[in-house]
Amino acid sequence: MDKTLKNQLQGGHFDQAKELGQRLERLRSEFGGLQEVNEANQQDRETAFFRKAKKMADPMRHKIHTEEENEVEKQNLREISSIRERFRIQKENQTLELSRIEKPRMKYSRRRMELKNAEVRLCNLKQYDEAKNVRRMLREIDKVEEAEFNKVFDDKIALKEAKLESKQRADFGRLEEKLSAHRWKDYRRREYEQKVAAQNFTNKERDMKHEHMVNGMIRPELTVKPSALMTKRNHFKHTSAYYRGRQLLDKCKGKKNGDAVFIESLCGTHEFGGKKLSGTLSLE
């Protein structure tokens, strides 16, 4: 139309050139309005996609973190169960070992041995009353010395058991510290990922809004050969911040770059065989 307008001006057809110029201006104005409306609608769609992706990403991330937390707790329970089983085996082995320990022979005191010898001599001298009194003293001494001997032996057994219990308590305490450190390390990792994800969405939203603002400032072009501002690079939809909402939504849905969801065409089953459509056609 610009070429026609130029030819009319050169030929002196000013009235026709004026009318054609007005038509061209109206066409450009209408085209620019449509372009602006289309740009606004496209930006609104990308913003809606971005909000939907953010709304989907939060529950997905929360679900993943919950599963990871549960896995950490399961691992901790497995380690606690393992160490308790080891403690049980150690206790059984110690009980078996202690049951095989024979009590040593009783060693009496010198005082008791002297009284025993005195009892024998009195019996030899047929002084039975004195021997009876000595026997009574021996019984009292035997009770005390046997009780002390049994107490020493039992204390040694109890000391072995106490040492094992103390060692097991120390081992379990170290395990609890290890599991607590593991639990807090995983918690801080999830918290960091949560903060990074939130900041990532903030940055991407800011980049998308900036790209929308820049594209909104480009003047519409009614031409066959668009300028460099209107020409988009390869993979523009997959990499540009302008389509960040669509990109994030596809990622949340599990769709990778270059993937496509196959949808059966509405006319895929309609094979007319080159016939003209003059009414309703029944397909077998």
Protein backbone atom coordinates (compact mmCIF):
# COMPACT_ATOMS: atom_id res chain seq x y z
CA MET A 1 0.00 0.00 0.00
CA ASP A 2 2.90 2.35 0.64
CA LYS A 3 4.13 1.73 -2.88
CA THR A 4 0.66 2.39 -4.33
CA LEU A 5 0.38 5.58 -2.28
CA LYS A 6 3.73 6.74 -3.59
CA ASN A 7 2.76 6.04 -7.19
CA GLN A 8 -0.51 7.95 -6.80
CA LEU A 9 1.32 10.93 -5.37
CA GLN A 10 3.78 10.88 -8.25
CA GLY A 11 0.91 10.63 -10.73
CA GLY A 12 -0.88 13.62 -9.20
CA HIS A 13 -3.89 11.67 -7.90
CA PHE A 14 -3.98 13.54 -4.62
CA ASP A 15 -7.59 12.82 -3.68
CA GLN A 16 -7.14 9.10 -4.16
CA ALA A 17 -3.78 9.27 -2.34
CA LYS A 18 -5.44 11.12 0.55
CA GLU A 19 -8.16 8.49 0.84
CA LEU A 20 -5.63 5.66 0.59
CA GLY A 21 -3.44 7.32 3.20
CA GLN A 22 -6.36 7.64 5.60
CA ARG A 23 -7.24 3.99 5.03
CA LEU A 24 -3.62 3.03 5.65
CA GLU A 25 -3.53 5.01 8.92
CA ARG A 26 -6.78 3.41 10.11
CA LEU A 27 -5.40 0.00 9.21
CA ARG A 28 -2.21 0.67 11.10
CA SER A 29 -4.14 1.99 14.09
CA GLU A 30 -6.43 -1.05 14.15
CA PHE A 31 -3.47 -3.39 13.71
CA GLY A 32 -1.60 -1.63 16.51
CA GLY A 33 -4.64 -1.88 18.77
CA LEU A 34 -4.97 -5.58 18.05
CA GLN A 35 -1.29 -6.09 18.72
CA GLU A 36 -1.52 -4.24 22.02
CA VAL A 37 -4.59 -6.25 23.07
CA ASN A 38 -2.87 -9.47 22.05
CA GLU A 39 0.26 -8.47 23.98
CA ALA A 40 -1.79 -7.66 27.09
CA ASN A 41 -3.68 -10.95 26.85
CA GLN A 42 -0.44 -12.88 26.38
CA GLN A 43 1.11 -11.20 29.41
CA ASP A 44 -2.01 -11.92 31.48
CA ARG A 45 -1.85 -15.58 30.45
CA GLU A 46 1.82 -15.84 31.39
CA THR A 47 1.10 -14.20 34.74
CA ALA A 48 -1.75 -16.65 35.35
CA PHE A 49 0.52 -19.55 34.36
CA PHE A 50 3.18 -18.31 36.76
CA ARG A 51 0.74 -18.06 39.67
CA LYS A 52 -0.62 -21.52 38.90
CA ALA A 53 2.91 -22.95 38.73
CA LYS A 54 3.79 -21.35 42.06
CA LYS A 55 0.60 -22.70 43.59
CA MET A 56 1.48 -26.19 42.33
CA ALA A 57 5.16 -26.01 43.30
CA ASP A 58 4.60 -25.27 46.99
CA PRO A 59 2.58 -28.45 47.76
CA MET A 60 4.92 -30.53 45.60
CA ARG A 61 7.97 -29.24 47.43
CA HIS A 62 6.23 -29.73 50.79
CA LYS A 63 5.37 -33.32 49.81
CA ILE A 64 8.96 -34.04 48.79
CA HIS A 65 10.30 -32.56 52.03
CA THR A 66 7.79 -34.56 54.07
CA GLU A 67 8.87 -37.76 52.34
CA GLU A 68 12.53 -36.92 52.95
CA GLU A 69 11.82 -36.19 56.61
CA ASN A 70 9.97 -39.48 56.99
CA GLU A 71 12.87 -41.31 55.34
CA VAL A 72 15.31 -39.73 57.79
CA GLU A 73 13.12 -40.79 60.72
CA LYS A 74 12.88 -44.33 59.34
CA GLN A 75 16.66 -44.48 59.03
CA ASN A 76 17.02 -43.24 62.61
CA LEU A 77 14.58 -45.88 63.85
CA ARG A 78 16.51 -48.58 61.97
CA GLU A 79 19.76 -47.51 63.63
CA ILE A 80 18.10 -47.41 67.07
CA SER A 81 16.64 -50.87 66.50
CA SER A 82 20.03 -52.14 65.36
CA ILE A 83 21.88 -50.86 68.43
CA ARG A 84 19.20 -52.21 70.77
CA GLU A 85 19.56 -55.61 69.16
CA ARG A 86 23.32 -55.38 69.66
CA PHE A 87 22.79 -54.47 73.32
CA ARG A 88 20.50 -57.45 73.77
CA ILE A 89 23.10 -59.82 72.31
CA GLN A 90 25.81 -58.33 74.52
CA LYS A 91 23.60 -58.78 77.58
CA GLU A 92 22.85 -62.40 76.72
CA ASN A 93 26.53 -63.14 76.14
CA GLN A 94 27.46 -61.56 79.46
CA THR A 95 24.74 -63.48 81.30
CA LEU A 96 26.01 -66.73 79.80
CA GLU A 97 29.59 -65.83 80.67
CA LEU A 98 28.72 -64.93 84.28
CA SER A 99 26.70 -68.11 84.73
CA ARG A 100 29.82 -70.13 83.93
CA ILE A 101 31.95 -68.43 86.57
CA GLU A 102 32.44 -70.77 89.54
CA LYS A 103 32.47 -69.33 93.00
CA PRO A 104 35.99 -69.70 94.48
CA ARG A 105 36.68 -71.76 97.56
CA MET A 106 35.91 -70.10 100.84
CA LYS A 107 38.97 -68.77 102.64
CA TYR A 108 38.40 -68.40 106.36
CA SER A 109 40.20 -66.00 108.62
CA ARG A 110 43.07 -66.89 110.93
CA ARG A 111 40.86 -66.37 113.99
CA ARG A 112 38.34 -68.88 112.67
CA MET A 113 41.04 -71.47 111.90
CA GLU A 114 42.46 -71.13 115.41
CA LEU A 115 39.02 -71.70 116.94
CA LYS A 116 38.55 -74.74 114.71
CA ASN A 117 41.84 -76.21 115.89
CA ALA A 118 40.89 -75.45 119.48
CA GLU A 119 37.61 -77.32 119.00
CA VAL A 120 39.49 -80.36 117.73
CA ARG A 121 41.90 -80.32 120.65
CA LEU A 122 39.10 -79.94 123.20
CA CYS A 123 37.31 -82.90 121.65
CA ASN A 124 40.50 -84.92 121.93
CA LEU A 125 40.75 -83.92 125.57
CA LYS A 126 37.07 -84.90 126.02
CA GLN A 127 36.15 -81.38 127.12
CA TYR A 128 32.87 -81.41 125.31
CA ASP A 129 31.23 -78.47 127.01
CA GLU A 130 34.07 -76.14 126.08
CA ALA A 131 34.07 -77.63 122.55
CA LYS A 132 30.36 -76.89 122.32
CA ASN A 133 30.94 -73.27 123.21
CA VAL A 134 33.69 -73.02 120.61
CA ARG A 135 31.38 -74.53 117.97
CA ARG A 136 28.79 -71.87 118.79
CA MET A 137 31.39 -69.16 118.27
CA LEU A 138 32.41 -70.77 114.97
CA ARG A 139 28.84 -70.62 113.68
CA GLU A 140 28.64 -66.92 114.39
CA ILE A 141 31.98 -66.26 112.74
CA ASP A 142 31.07 -68.41 109.71
CA LYS A 143 27.86 -66.42 109.14
CA VAL A 144 29.74 -63.13 109.10
CA GLU A 145 32.69 -64.33 106.98
CA GLU A 146 30.52 -66.20 104.46
CA ALA A 147 28.27 -63.16 104.09
CA GLU A 148 31.32 -60.97 103.45
CA PHE A 149 32.76 -63.49 100.98
CA ASN A 150 29.45 -63.76 99.08
CA LYS A 151 29.13 -59.99 99.04
CA VAL A 152 32.59 -59.58 97.47
CA PHE A 153 31.78 -62.17 94.82
CA ASP A 154 28.37 -60.62 94.07
CA ASP A 155 29.92 -57.16 93.92
CA LYS A 156 32.38 -58.37 91.27
CA ILE A 157 29.51 -59.78 89.22
CA ALA A 158 27.48 -56.59 89.66
CA LEU A 159 30.52 -54.50 88.67
CA LYS A 160 30.83 -56.40 85.39
CA GLU A 161 27.13 -55.85 84.70
CA ALA A 162 27.36 -52.17 85.65
CA LYS A 163 30.33 -51.67 83.31
CA LEU A 164 28.39 -53.15 80.42
CA GLU A 165 25.32 -51.02 81.20
CA SER A 166 27.49 -47.91 81.47
CA LYS A 167 29.14 -48.68 78.13
CA GLN A 168 25.77 -49.26 76.48
CA ARG A 169 24.37 -45.99 77.89
CA ALA A 170 27.40 -44.13 76.52
CA ASP A 171 27.01 -45.80 73.12
CA PHE A 172 23.30 -44.98 73.01
CA GLY A 173 24.00 -41.37 74.02
CA ARG A 174 26.52 -41.00 71.19
CA LEU A 175 24.00 -42.53 68.79
CA GLU A 176 21.32 -40.07 69.90
CA GLU A 177 23.74 -37.18 69.33
CA LYS A 178 24.56 -38.54 65.88
CA LEU A 179 20.89 -38.98 64.95
CA SER A 180 20.02 -35.54 66.29
CA ALA A 181 22.81 -33.98 64.22
CA HIS A 182 21.61 -35.89 61.17
CA ARG A 183 18.04 -34.78 61.79
CA TRP A 184 18.98 -31.10 62.19
CA LYS A 185 21.31 -31.21 59.19
CA ASP A 186 18.49 -32.51 57.02
CA TYR A 187 16.10 -29.92 58.51
CA ARG A 188 18.49 -27.06 57.69
CA ARG A 189 18.93 -28.45 54.18
CA ARG A 190 15.16 -28.47 53.60
CA GLU A 191 14.85 -24.99 55.09
CA TYR A 192 17.61 -23.74 52.78
CA GLU A 193 15.93 -25.32 49.76
CA GLN A 194 12.66 -23.67 50.78
CA LYS A 195 14.32 -20.24 50.97
CA VAL A 196 16.14 -20.77 47.68
CA ALA A 197 12.91 -21.83 45.96
CA ALA A 198 11.04 -18.80 47.30
CA GLN A 199 13.82 -16.45 46.18
CA ASN A 200 13.98 -18.24 42.84
CA PHE A 201 10.29 -17.61 42.23
CA THR A 202 10.72 -13.97 43.27
CA ASN A 203 13.61 -13.50 40.85
CA LYS A 204 11.84 -15.24 37.98
CA GLU A 205 8.68 -13.20 38.53
CA ARG A 206 10.70 -9.98 38.52
CA ASP A 207 12.49 -11.02 35.31
CA MET A 208 9.17 -11.93 33.67
CA LYS A 209 7.57 -8.60 34.59
CA HIS A 210 10.59 -6.73 33.30
CA GLU A 211 10.47 -8.66 30.02
CA HIS A 212 6.74 -7.96 29.70
CA MET A 213 7.35 -4.27 30.28
CA VAL A 214 10.10 -4.18 27.64
CA ASN A 215 7.97 -6.03 25.07
CA GLY A 216 5.02 -3.77 25.85
CA MET A 217 7.07 -0.73 24.88
CA ILE A 218 7.86 -2.06 21.38
CA ARG A 219 5.77 -0.33 18.73
CA PRO A 220 3.68 -2.62 16.48
CA GLU A 221 4.98 -3.07 12.95
CA LEU A 222 2.73 -3.60 9.94
CA THR A 223 5.27 -4.96 7.50
CA VAL A 224 6.21 -8.14 5.67
CA LYS A 225 9.79 -7.95 6.87
CA PRO A 226 9.79 -7.22 10.61
CA SER A 227 12.72 -5.47 12.23
CA ALA A 228 15.22 -7.09 14.60
CA LEU A 229 13.07 -6.06 17.59
CA MET A 230 10.19 -8.18 16.33
CA THR A 231 12.34 -11.12 15.26
CA LYS A 232 12.68 -13.79 17.92
CA ARG A 233 15.65 -16.10 18.29
CA ASN A 234 15.46 -19.87 18.14
CA HIS A 235 13.95 -21.56 21.21
CA PHE A 236 12.66 -18.19 22.39
CA LYS A 237 9.64 -19.78 24.06
CA HIS A 238 11.82 -22.26 25.96
CA THR A 239 14.45 -19.81 27.27
CA SER A 240 13.03 -16.29 27.35
CA ALA A 241 11.84 -14.77 30.62
CA TYR A 242 8.77 -13.58 28.72
CA TYR A 243 7.34 -17.12 28.81
CA ARG A 244 8.56 -17.89 32.33
CA GLY A 245 5.06 -18.70 33.54
CA ARG A 246 4.50 -21.31 30.82
CA GLN A 247 7.99 -22.76 31.39
CA LEU A 248 7.49 -23.17 35.14
CA LEU A 249 4.04 -24.64 34.69
CA ASP A 250 5.37 -27.23 32.22
CA LYS A 251 8.16 -28.06 34.65
CA CYS A 252 5.71 -28.51 37.52
CA LYS A 253 3.62 -30.82 35.34
CA GLY A 254 6.71 -32.87 34.47
CA LYS A 255 7.01 -31.73 30.88
CA LYS A 256 10.55 -31.18 29.55
CA ASN A 257 11.68 -28.75 26.86
CA GLY A 258 10.74 -30.05 23.45
CA ASP A 259 8.16 -32.48 24.79
CA ALA A 260 4.58 -32.29 23.58
CA VAL A 261 1.37 -33.81 24.80
CA PHE A 262 -0.30 -35.65 21.93
CA ILE A 263 -3.96 -34.77 21.42
CA GLU A 264 -6.06 -36.49 18.76
CA SER A 265 -7.08 -34.08 16.04
CA LEU A 266 -10.76 -33.28 15.80
CA CYS A 267 -10.67 -34.11 12.10
CA GLY A 268 -8.30 -37.03 12.37
CA THR A 269 -11.04 -39.62 11.77
CA HIS A 270 -12.79 -37.65 9.00
CA GLU A 271 -11.61 -38.91 5.65
CA PHE A 272 -13.83 -37.51 2.94
CA GLY A 273 -11.81 -38.84 0.02
CA GLY A 274 -11.90 -35.58 -1.92
CA LYS A 275 -15.73 -35.50 -2.01
CA LYS A 276 -17.53 -32.21 -1.76
CA LEU A 277 -19.44 -31.63 1.45
CA SER A 278 -23.05 -31.08 0.44
CA GLY A 279 -24.69 -32.34 3.62
CA THR A 280 -24.29 -34.89 6.33
CA LEU A 281 -21.89 -37.72 5.58
CA SER A 282 -22.20 -41.04 7.41
CA LEU A 283 -18.96 -42.83 8.18
CA GLU A 284 -18.84 -46.57 8.72
